[in-house]
Amino acid sequence: MTLGAPSSSPSPSPSAWEGRAPAGAVTLPVTLALRDTLAGGLREHRKPDTLPAPVQALRSAWDELVAPHGFTAWGERTSRQLLADALAALERRPLDEWRRVFALVPCSPVCRGELLSRQRASLVYMLRGRTNAGYEPAELLLSGAWSVDPLPPAPEAAPVIEETPVARAWRQVGETLATDGKAGLVEQLTRNVRPVALEDGHLVVECVDFAAEAWLHVDGVLELVRQVLRMLGHAGVRLLRIDVSPKLEATAAPSVPLHVAPVAPPPPARPAREARVPLAAADVGVAAHVAFFAWTQEERLSVYPNAMPQPPPPGWEEWYRQALAAVGGDEGRLRAAWQAYLQDDWARGRKPVCPAVAFIVADVWQRHVPGQDAPAAPAVAPGPALPDTQAGHAWGALLKRVDAAGKPYAAKQLARLRPALDGTMLLLEAPDRVGAKWFDEEYGHLVKAELAGLSDGVKDVRFVAPGGER
C-alpha cells in the first residue's frame, strides 16, 4: 500500500457544515465549538492560542505524538485551508481517536516513507488525504491494514554530573574566550593548563611544564585569563609554580577541559621533574622563542636545583630572533652557548644565579658561542687551469652552465678535458680513444644541451683522443 495524493476536492463550505448533523462519535462540546467557529467564518490564525480549543488540542496531539519522530511539526501559523481540514477531521473522528491515529504514524513503515512512495506522511495528508484506492490513512492505520512496528524506547537521559566550583570557573573562562573568537586559545589552555583550586576568589591554575608556563607569560595569556575571571566576578588568577624538588608531588585536580565539567576524580600522583620530558615547541603549539626559553630554564634548574624559576626577560623574543640569525639559524649553537654560560664563574656569581637577563647581553652570550676560534677549512685544490684562448673561454663558460644546472660532479669530470676549436666545432681532448668514447656516451648529451645557451659562435662539440682521433 502506498501513499496517495491528498484529495483535490474542495473543502465543504461553511453553509454545508452548518446544516450537517453531528456524528454520533463527536462530543457535544466539540460540535458546539465547530459551530461557533463556522459562524464567525474561517480565517488564518497567526498564533496557536487563537485557534478553537478542539483544533488546539489536535495540534498539540500531532506535535506531541508525531513531530518528535522526524515528521514536520504543525507550524505557528494555521492557514484557512488547514483550519478547515482540521475542523472536518474532528467532525469525522473525535480527538481521542485522532490521538490513537497519530500515535501509530511513527510506527508505520508506510507513513515513515520506507515503501514505494519514499515520502513521509504529512499533517495535511493525514487529515484529508486519500490513498490511490480511496481510503483514509487514519482508517488504514486503525484497521491494521497498514502494518505498524513498536516504537523504540526513548533514550535514557544522561546522568547529571555535579560540577565543582573550580571546574565551573574554568569552563566559564573557556566559554567566554570561545565566544570572543579565541577557540584555538581555549584548545591550547585545555592541553597545557589545569585548574587546581579557588582561593580567596582567585582561580589557582598549574601548567603541565615550563614551556607552557613561559607561553602564559610571554604571549600575555595569563593576563587575558585574569581579565576574564574578573569580568566573571572572581578576584583573578594565581599561577602555581612547578615544583622542581625530586620528591613525588600530587596535583589537586586532573586536566579539565574548558568546555566540559566532569566530576574531579581522586588526585593522581605526578612524577618528579627529572622524570618529565620537556615538550618541544610543536608539541604545545608555542613559538620557538618560548620553547627555547623553557629549555633554558630546564637546563638551569637541572644544574642548580634550588634556583627559583624565572619569567622571560624583556626583549627575549627580539633577542632570540637576532641571535638565531647571527649563528646562521643553528639553534644548537645557542643551546651550547647557554650550557657554557651555566658553567661560567661570572654567571654563577650573579644573583639570582645565571639569570637569563644577563645572558642576552651581546658581549655575554656571544663569547659563549662555541667554535668561534675554529680555523677555516682547507681550500679545495682548483681544477685544471683552462687556456686563455677562445676555446678555453668557451669551455669554461660551458662548465659553469653544467655546474649551475645542478651537476657539479659532471662539471668536475669534464674539466679534465682539454679544449680546442676547429671553426665552430669545440674539440674536447680525452686521455685516449676509450676515454673519448666514454665521455661522449656519458656526458655528450648534457654538454650539447648546455651548448645551445652559449653565444660565442660555438655550434657543436666533439670528444676526441690525442691527435684529433675520435
Protein backbone atom coordinates (compact mmCIF):
# COMPACT_ATOMS: atom_id res chain seq x y z
CA MET A 1 0.00 0.00 0.00
CA THR A 2 1.46 3.37 -0.98
CA LEU A 3 0.63 6.90 -0.06
CA GLY A 4 -1.70 8.63 -2.44
CA ALA A 5 -2.01 12.30 -3.16
CA PRO A 6 -4.30 14.30 -0.89
CA SER A 7 -7.80 14.67 -2.21
CA SER A 8 -8.11 17.66 -4.50
CA SER A 9 -11.82 18.12 -3.85
CA PRO A 10 -12.61 21.47 -2.20
CA SER A 11 -13.46 21.57 1.48
CA PRO A 12 -17.13 21.80 2.38
CA SER A 13 -18.48 25.32 2.52
CA PRO A 14 -19.49 26.77 5.89
CA SER A 15 -23.16 26.58 4.91
CA ALA A 16 -22.83 22.88 4.23
CA TRP A 17 -21.25 22.39 7.63
CA GLU A 18 -23.99 24.30 9.42
CA GLY A 19 -26.69 22.06 8.03
CA ARG A 20 -24.84 18.84 8.76
CA ALA A 21 -25.90 16.81 11.77
CA PRO A 22 -23.10 15.99 14.21
CA ALA A 23 -21.77 12.46 14.02
CA GLY A 24 -22.53 10.27 16.96
CA ALA A 25 -18.85 9.88 17.81
CA VAL A 26 -18.29 13.64 18.14
CA THR A 27 -18.90 15.04 21.59
CA LEU A 28 -21.28 17.93 22.14
CA PRO A 29 -18.62 20.48 23.25
CA VAL A 30 -16.59 19.83 20.10
CA THR A 31 -19.68 20.21 17.91
CA LEU A 32 -20.58 23.49 19.59
CA ALA A 33 -17.03 24.79 19.18
CA LEU A 34 -17.08 23.93 15.49
CA ARG A 35 -20.38 25.70 15.01
CA ASP A 36 -19.11 28.79 16.82
CA THR A 37 -16.03 28.84 14.60
CA LEU A 38 -18.03 28.46 11.41
CA ALA A 39 -20.47 31.12 12.48
CA GLY A 40 -17.61 33.63 12.65
CA GLY A 41 -16.13 32.49 9.32
CA LEU A 42 -12.83 30.75 8.66
CA ARG A 43 -9.67 32.85 8.86
CA GLU A 44 -5.92 32.47 9.14
CA HIS A 45 -4.51 32.19 12.66
CA ARG A 46 -1.01 33.52 13.24
CA LYS A 47 -0.75 32.21 16.80
CA PRO A 48 -1.80 28.80 18.12
CA ASP A 49 -3.61 30.29 21.12
CA THR A 50 -6.22 31.94 18.87
CA LEU A 51 -7.31 28.61 17.37
CA PRO A 52 -10.54 26.97 18.51
CA ALA A 53 -9.94 24.80 21.55
CA PRO A 54 -10.56 21.47 19.73
CA VAL A 55 -8.10 22.44 16.98
CA GLN A 56 -5.55 23.48 19.59
CA ALA A 57 -5.89 20.04 21.14
CA LEU A 58 -5.49 18.38 17.73
CA ARG A 59 -2.39 20.47 17.06
CA SER A 60 -0.90 19.53 20.44
CA ALA A 61 -1.54 15.85 19.74
CA TRP A 62 0.34 16.00 16.42
CA ASP A 63 3.31 17.88 17.87
CA GLU A 64 3.44 15.55 20.87
CA LEU A 65 2.98 12.16 19.19
CA VAL A 66 4.30 12.60 15.63
CA ALA A 67 6.64 15.57 15.23
CA PRO A 68 9.35 14.32 17.66
CA HIS A 69 9.95 11.31 15.39
CA GLY A 70 11.23 13.22 12.38
CA PHE A 71 7.93 14.46 10.99
CA THR A 72 7.22 18.11 10.23
CA ALA A 73 5.59 19.88 13.14
CA TRP A 74 2.39 21.92 12.97
CA GLY A 75 3.67 25.45 12.41
CA GLU A 76 2.89 28.57 14.38
CA ARG A 77 0.59 29.85 11.64
CA THR A 78 -2.52 27.94 10.62
CA SER A 79 -3.95 28.78 7.22
CA ARG A 80 -7.66 28.91 6.45
CA GLN A 81 -7.36 25.68 4.46
CA LEU A 82 -5.55 23.84 7.26
CA LEU A 83 -8.13 25.09 9.75
CA ALA A 84 -10.91 23.79 7.51
CA ASP A 85 -9.12 20.43 7.18
CA ALA A 86 -8.72 20.19 10.95
CA LEU A 87 -12.37 21.02 11.60
CA ALA A 88 -13.50 18.49 9.01
CA ALA A 89 -11.22 15.85 10.55
CA LEU A 90 -12.69 16.49 14.00
CA GLU A 91 -16.20 16.07 12.62
CA ARG A 92 -15.26 12.69 11.16
CA ARG A 93 -13.45 11.40 14.25
CA PRO A 94 -13.23 12.50 17.88
CA LEU A 95 -9.98 13.82 19.32
CA ASP A 96 -9.23 10.61 21.24
CA GLU A 97 -9.41 8.62 18.02
CA TRP A 98 -7.10 11.07 16.28
CA ARG A 99 -4.63 10.67 19.13
CA ARG A 100 -4.63 6.91 18.52
CA VAL A 101 -4.06 7.56 14.81
CA PHE A 102 -1.21 9.97 15.48
CA ALA A 103 0.41 7.51 17.88
CA LEU A 104 0.52 4.93 15.07
CA VAL A 105 2.03 7.25 12.43
CA PRO A 106 5.68 6.97 13.60
CA CYS A 107 5.28 3.18 13.86
CA SER A 108 4.08 2.72 10.29
CA PRO A 109 6.67 1.97 7.56
CA VAL A 110 4.23 3.48 5.04
CA CYS A 111 4.00 6.74 6.98
CA ARG A 112 7.76 6.79 7.52
CA GLY A 113 8.27 6.66 3.74
CA GLU A 114 10.08 3.32 3.75
CA LEU A 115 7.99 1.70 0.99
CA LEU A 116 7.42 2.59 -2.66
CA SER A 117 6.29 6.17 -2.07
CA ARG A 118 9.55 7.12 -0.31
CA GLN A 119 7.66 10.04 1.26
CA ARG A 120 6.87 10.70 4.88
CA ALA A 121 3.26 11.31 5.74
CA SER A 122 2.47 14.97 6.31
CA LEU A 123 -0.11 16.58 8.57
CA VAL A 124 -2.29 17.58 5.61
CA TYR A 125 -2.15 14.05 4.19
CA MET A 126 -3.23 12.54 7.49
CA LEU A 127 -6.13 14.98 7.90
CA ARG A 128 -7.65 14.93 4.41
CA GLY A 129 -5.53 12.71 2.18
CA ARG A 130 -6.66 9.56 0.36
CA THR A 131 -4.79 6.56 -0.98
CA ASN A 132 -5.00 5.55 -4.62
CA ALA A 133 -7.75 3.15 -3.61
CA GLY A 134 -9.72 5.96 -1.95
CA TYR A 135 -9.09 5.05 1.71
CA GLU A 136 -8.27 7.47 4.52
CA PRO A 137 -4.83 6.93 6.09
CA ALA A 138 -6.44 7.03 9.53
CA GLU A 139 -8.81 4.24 8.56
CA LEU A 140 -5.95 2.04 7.32
CA LEU A 141 -3.92 2.62 10.47
CA LEU A 142 -6.78 1.90 12.86
CA SER A 143 -7.92 -1.19 10.97
CA GLY A 144 -4.43 -2.68 10.85
CA ALA A 145 -4.30 -2.64 7.03
CA TRP A 146 -1.03 -0.74 7.35
CA SER A 147 1.47 -2.64 9.45
CA VAL A 148 2.97 -0.90 12.43
CA ASP A 149 6.22 -1.51 14.31
CA PRO A 150 6.79 -0.94 18.00
CA LEU A 151 8.39 2.39 18.77
CA PRO A 152 11.97 2.10 20.04
CA PRO A 153 12.33 3.01 23.70
CA ALA A 154 13.18 6.61 24.34
CA PRO A 155 16.87 7.10 25.14
CA GLU A 156 17.61 7.47 28.80
CA ALA A 157 18.57 10.91 29.90
CA ALA A 158 22.27 11.35 30.51
CA PRO A 159 23.12 11.39 34.19
CA VAL A 160 23.58 14.83 35.61
CA ILE A 161 27.19 15.29 36.65
CA GLU A 162 27.78 17.61 39.53
CA GLU A 163 30.08 20.47 38.62
CA THR A 164 32.64 21.65 41.14
CA PRO A 165 33.20 25.40 41.65
CA VAL A 166 36.72 25.07 40.24
CA ALA A 167 35.53 23.28 37.10
CA ARG A 168 32.68 25.77 36.70
CA ALA A 169 35.02 28.76 36.81
CA TRP A 170 37.40 27.11 34.33
CA ARG A 171 34.53 26.22 31.99
CA GLN A 172 33.20 29.79 32.09
CA VAL A 173 36.64 31.11 31.15
CA GLY A 174 36.69 28.81 28.12
CA GLU A 175 33.16 29.72 27.07
CA THR A 176 33.93 33.44 27.32
CA LEU A 177 37.11 33.14 25.26
CA ALA A 178 35.43 30.92 22.66
CA THR A 179 32.57 33.40 22.29
CA ASP A 180 35.18 36.08 21.67
CA GLY A 181 36.59 34.07 18.74
CA LYS A 182 39.52 32.50 20.60
CA ALA A 183 38.65 28.82 20.20
CA GLY A 184 42.27 27.98 19.33
CA LEU A 185 43.48 29.59 22.53
CA VAL A 186 40.90 27.60 24.51
CA GLU A 187 42.25 24.38 23.00
CA GLN A 188 45.82 25.25 24.00
CA LEU A 189 44.74 26.18 27.52
CA THR A 190 42.93 22.86 27.83
CA ARG A 191 46.07 20.94 26.85
CA ASN A 192 48.64 22.91 28.81
CA VAL A 193 46.92 24.37 31.89
CA ARG A 194 44.72 22.77 34.54
CA PRO A 195 42.69 24.34 37.36
CA VAL A 196 43.67 23.40 40.89
CA ALA A 197 41.59 25.32 43.42
CA LEU A 198 39.73 28.51 44.30
CA GLU A 199 41.49 30.57 46.96
CA ASP A 200 40.21 33.95 48.15
CA GLY A 201 38.31 34.39 44.91
CA HIS A 202 41.37 33.55 42.80
CA LEU A 203 41.40 30.58 40.44
CA VAL A 204 44.65 28.71 41.04
CA VAL A 205 46.00 27.05 37.87
CA GLU A 206 49.03 24.91 37.10
CA CYS A 207 50.96 24.37 33.86
CA VAL A 208 51.99 20.97 32.57
CA ASP A 209 55.63 22.05 32.09
CA PHE A 210 57.95 25.03 31.80
CA ALA A 211 57.20 25.58 28.11
CA ALA A 212 53.52 26.10 28.87
CA GLU A 213 54.39 28.38 31.80
CA ALA A 214 56.62 30.50 29.59
CA TRP A 215 53.88 30.64 26.97
CA LEU A 216 51.44 32.03 29.55
CA HIS A 217 53.85 34.86 30.40
CA VAL A 218 55.36 35.72 27.03
CA ASP A 219 52.17 35.75 24.96
CA GLY A 220 50.08 37.56 27.60
CA VAL A 221 47.69 34.64 28.04
CA LEU A 222 47.83 34.75 31.84
CA GLU A 223 46.77 38.40 31.87
CA LEU A 224 43.92 37.63 29.48
CA VAL A 225 42.67 34.84 31.75
CA ARG A 226 42.91 37.22 34.72
CA GLN A 227 40.76 39.81 32.93
CA VAL A 228 38.14 37.20 32.00
CA LEU A 229 37.94 35.92 35.59
CA ARG A 230 37.49 39.45 36.92
CA MET A 231 34.73 40.03 34.40
CA LEU A 232 33.07 36.84 35.69
CA GLY A 233 33.17 38.15 39.26
CA HIS A 234 36.34 36.47 40.52
CA ALA A 235 39.33 38.22 42.03
CA GLY A 236 41.77 36.94 39.42
CA VAL A 237 44.14 34.06 38.74
CA ARG A 238 47.15 32.63 40.54
CA LEU A 239 49.76 30.51 38.82
CA LEU A 240 51.10 27.60 40.82
CA ARG A 241 54.80 27.32 40.09
CA ILE A 242 56.09 23.92 39.01
CA ASP A 243 57.79 22.15 41.89
CA VAL A 244 61.35 21.22 40.97
CA SER A 245 62.06 19.09 44.04
CA PRO A 246 62.98 15.45 43.41
CA LYS A 247 60.09 14.24 45.57
CA LEU A 248 56.85 12.95 44.12
CA GLU A 249 54.11 15.52 44.21
CA ALA A 250 50.35 15.28 43.86
CA THR A 251 48.10 17.56 41.86
CA ALA A 252 44.84 18.81 43.26
CA ALA A 253 42.90 18.08 40.08
CA PRO A 254 43.45 16.42 36.71
CA SER A 255 43.39 18.29 33.43
CA VAL A 256 39.88 19.69 32.99
CA PRO A 257 38.74 20.76 29.50
CA LEU A 258 37.38 24.28 29.40
CA HIS A 259 34.12 23.16 27.80
CA VAL A 260 33.43 20.09 29.98
CA ALA A 261 32.78 19.91 33.69
CA PRO A 262 33.37 16.33 34.88
CA VAL A 263 33.46 15.21 38.46
CA ALA A 264 37.02 15.52 39.71
CA PRO A 265 38.48 12.04 40.41
CA PRO A 266 40.96 11.45 43.22
CA PRO A 267 44.19 13.38 42.57
CA PRO A 268 46.79 11.17 40.84
CA ALA A 269 50.46 11.20 41.74
CA ARG A 270 52.74 13.02 39.31
CA PRO A 271 56.38 12.06 38.76
CA ALA A 272 59.18 14.35 39.77
CA ARG A 273 60.64 16.91 37.38
CA GLU A 274 63.55 14.65 36.44
CA ALA A 275 61.06 12.10 35.04
CA ARG A 276 59.33 14.63 32.78
CA VAL A 277 60.47 15.19 29.23
CA PRO A 278 60.37 18.85 28.14
CA LEU A 279 57.96 19.40 25.27
CA ALA A 280 59.14 20.86 22.01
CA ALA A 281 57.50 23.93 20.52
CA ALA A 282 55.45 21.84 18.11
CA ASP A 283 54.12 19.67 20.96
CA VAL A 284 52.45 22.51 22.84
CA GLY A 285 51.77 24.86 19.94
CA VAL A 286 54.05 27.69 21.16
CA ALA A 287 56.53 29.91 19.37
CA ALA A 288 60.16 28.86 19.00
CA HIS A 289 61.46 31.60 21.31
CA VAL A 290 59.06 30.43 24.04
CA ALA A 291 60.15 26.81 23.71
CA PHE A 292 63.82 27.83 23.76
CA PHE A 293 63.35 29.84 26.95
CA ALA A 294 61.56 26.92 28.58
CA TRP A 295 64.51 24.71 27.66
CA THR A 296 67.00 27.18 29.18
CA GLN A 297 65.10 27.09 32.46
CA GLU A 298 65.00 23.30 32.46
CA GLU A 299 68.78 23.25 31.98
CA ARG A 300 69.32 25.92 34.64
CA LEU A 301 67.28 24.03 37.21
CA SER A 302 68.99 20.76 36.37
CA VAL A 303 72.35 22.37 37.20
CA TYR A 304 71.08 24.47 40.13
CA PRO A 305 68.04 22.61 41.56
CA ASN A 306 67.45 25.20 44.30
CA ALA A 307 67.26 28.15 41.92
CA MET A 308 63.94 29.93 41.53
CA PRO A 309 62.20 29.73 38.12
CA GLN A 310 62.26 32.98 36.18
CA PRO A 311 59.95 34.56 33.60
CA PRO A 312 61.45 35.60 30.25
CA PRO A 313 63.32 38.90 30.47
CA PRO A 314 62.08 41.91 28.47
CA GLY A 315 63.14 41.74 24.83
CA TRP A 316 63.65 37.97 24.84
CA GLU A 317 61.74 37.38 21.61
CA GLU A 318 63.68 40.03 19.68
CA TRP A 319 66.99 38.80 21.10
CA TYR A 320 66.19 35.23 20.07
CA ARG A 321 65.37 36.29 16.52
CA GLN A 322 68.59 38.28 16.10
CA ALA A 323 70.81 35.74 17.86
CA LEU A 324 69.45 32.88 15.79
CA ALA A 325 70.19 34.82 12.61
CA ALA A 326 73.72 35.57 13.88
CA VAL A 327 74.52 31.86 14.27
CA GLY A 328 73.14 31.01 10.85
CA GLY A 329 69.83 29.62 12.11
CA ASP A 330 71.56 26.88 14.12
CA GLU A 331 69.76 26.81 17.47
CA GLY A 332 72.17 24.12 18.62
CA ARG A 333 74.90 26.77 18.87
CA LEU A 334 72.64 28.91 21.09
CA ARG A 335 71.94 25.90 23.29
CA ALA A 336 75.66 25.22 23.58
CA ALA A 337 76.20 28.89 24.49
CA TRP A 338 73.62 28.64 27.30
CA GLN A 339 75.20 25.45 28.65
CA ALA A 340 78.61 27.13 28.67
CA TYR A 341 77.04 30.14 30.39
CA LEU A 342 75.74 27.91 33.18
CA GLN A 343 79.35 26.85 33.93
CA ASP A 344 80.76 30.38 33.78
CA ASP A 345 82.13 31.59 37.15
CA TRP A 346 80.91 35.10 36.43
CA ALA A 347 77.38 33.85 35.68
CA ARG A 348 77.33 31.68 38.80
CA GLY A 349 78.15 34.75 40.87
CA ARG A 350 75.06 36.64 39.65
CA LYS A 351 72.04 36.95 41.93
CA PRO A 352 69.90 35.08 41.07
CA VAL A 353 72.29 32.51 39.69
CA CYS A 354 72.82 32.54 35.90
CA PRO A 355 69.95 34.92 35.09
CA ALA A 356 68.61 34.99 31.55
CA VAL A 357 68.56 38.80 31.57
CA ALA A 358 72.37 38.82 31.84
CA PHE A 359 72.82 36.13 29.20
CA ILE A 360 71.13 38.09 26.40
CA VAL A 361 73.58 40.98 26.69
CA ALA A 362 75.50 40.98 23.41
CA ASP A 363 79.03 40.57 24.79
CA VAL A 364 77.87 37.82 27.17
CA TRP A 365 76.07 35.29 25.00
CA GLN A 366 78.35 35.87 22.01
CA ARG A 367 81.51 34.96 23.91
CA HIS A 368 79.93 31.67 24.99
CA VAL A 369 79.05 30.51 21.45
CA PRO A 370 81.46 27.62 20.79
CA GLY A 371 83.54 27.09 17.70
CA GLN A 372 84.34 30.74 17.02
CA ASP A 373 88.09 30.10 17.04
CA ALA A 374 87.96 27.12 14.68
CA PRO A 375 90.21 27.64 11.64
CA ALA A 376 88.72 27.75 8.20
CA ALA A 377 88.52 24.52 6.27
CA PRO A 378 91.45 23.96 3.92
CA ALA A 379 90.87 25.27 0.44
CA VAL A 380 89.95 22.72 -2.16
CA ALA A 381 92.51 22.40 -4.89
CA PRO A 382 91.21 24.02 -8.06
CA GLY A 383 90.64 22.01 -11.21
CA PRO A 384 92.93 22.10 -14.22
CA ALA A 385 93.63 25.61 -15.49
CA LEU A 386 91.93 26.40 -18.77
CA PRO A 387 93.95 28.00 -21.55
CA ASP A 388 93.50 31.72 -22.13
CA THR A 389 92.09 31.15 -25.60
CA GLN A 390 88.71 31.37 -27.27
CA ALA A 391 88.35 27.61 -26.82
CA GLY A 392 89.29 27.88 -23.13
CA HIS A 393 86.80 30.69 -22.56
CA ALA A 394 84.02 28.81 -24.33
CA TRP A 395 84.77 25.61 -22.44
CA GLY A 396 84.91 27.46 -19.10
CA ALA A 397 81.53 29.08 -19.75
CA LEU A 398 80.11 25.70 -20.69
CA LEU A 399 81.41 24.09 -17.47
CA LYS A 400 79.80 26.86 -15.40
CA ARG A 401 76.46 26.15 -17.05
CA VAL A 402 76.77 22.44 -16.26
CA ASP A 403 77.59 23.20 -12.62
CA ALA A 404 74.72 25.71 -12.35
CA ALA A 405 72.37 23.06 -13.71
CA GLY A 406 72.91 21.07 -10.51
CA LYS A 407 75.56 18.69 -11.85
CA PRO A 408 78.80 19.67 -10.09
CA TYR A 409 80.24 16.15 -10.33
CA ALA A 410 79.78 16.12 -14.09
CA ALA A 411 81.44 19.54 -14.34
CA LYS A 412 84.38 18.27 -12.28
CA GLN A 413 84.85 15.25 -14.55
CA LEU A 414 84.51 17.27 -17.75
CA ALA A 415 87.08 19.81 -16.52
CA ARG A 416 89.76 17.15 -17.12
CA LEU A 417 89.33 17.55 -20.89
CA ARG A 418 91.50 19.94 -22.93
CA PRO A 419 89.52 22.25 -25.25
CA ALA A 420 90.38 23.34 -28.78
CA LEU A 421 88.46 24.96 -31.62
CA ASP A 422 88.04 23.79 -35.19
CA GLY A 423 85.94 26.54 -36.76
CA THR A 424 82.63 26.42 -34.89
CA MET A 425 83.39 22.95 -33.52
CA LEU A 426 84.61 22.66 -29.91
CA LEU A 427 87.02 19.73 -29.65
CA LEU A 428 87.40 18.16 -26.19
CA GLU A 429 90.51 16.01 -25.90
CA ALA A 430 90.35 12.96 -23.63
CA PRO A 431 93.41 10.94 -22.47
CA ASP A 432 92.77 8.23 -25.09
CA ARG A 433 90.25 6.87 -27.56
CA VAL A 434 88.42 4.81 -24.94
CA GLY A 435 88.12 7.87 -22.72
CA ALA A 436 86.78 9.97 -25.59
CA LYS A 437 84.11 7.37 -26.29
CA TRP A 438 83.19 7.14 -22.60
CA PHE A 439 82.87 10.92 -22.20
CA ASP A 440 80.75 11.10 -25.34
CA GLU A 441 78.39 8.39 -24.11
CA GLU A 442 78.17 9.68 -20.53
CA TYR A 443 78.13 13.45 -20.98
CA GLY A 444 77.73 14.15 -24.68
CA HIS A 445 74.00 14.86 -24.47
CA LEU A 446 74.50 17.09 -21.41
CA VAL A 447 77.26 19.18 -22.99
CA LYS A 448 75.35 19.61 -26.24
CA ALA A 449 72.21 20.66 -24.36
CA GLU A 450 74.12 23.38 -22.46
CA LEU A 451 75.99 24.42 -25.60
CA ALA A 452 72.75 25.82 -27.01
CA GLY A 453 72.84 28.56 -24.36
CA LEU A 454 76.24 29.93 -25.40
CA SER A 455 76.56 32.90 -27.72
CA ASP A 456 80.26 32.81 -28.59
CA GLY A 457 79.97 31.19 -32.02
CA VAL A 458 80.49 27.56 -30.94
CA LYS A 459 77.88 25.42 -32.68
CA ASP A 460 78.88 21.83 -31.93
CA VAL A 461 81.14 19.71 -29.74
CA ARG A 462 83.18 16.57 -30.31
CA PHE A 463 85.08 14.32 -27.90
CA VAL A 464 88.43 13.26 -29.39
CA ALA A 465 91.57 11.35 -28.45
CA PRO A 466 95.05 12.95 -28.59
CA GLY A 467 95.87 13.91 -32.14
CA GLY A 468 92.25 14.57 -33.02
CA GLU A 469 91.24 10.92 -33.35
CA ARG A 470 87.70 10.05 -32.41
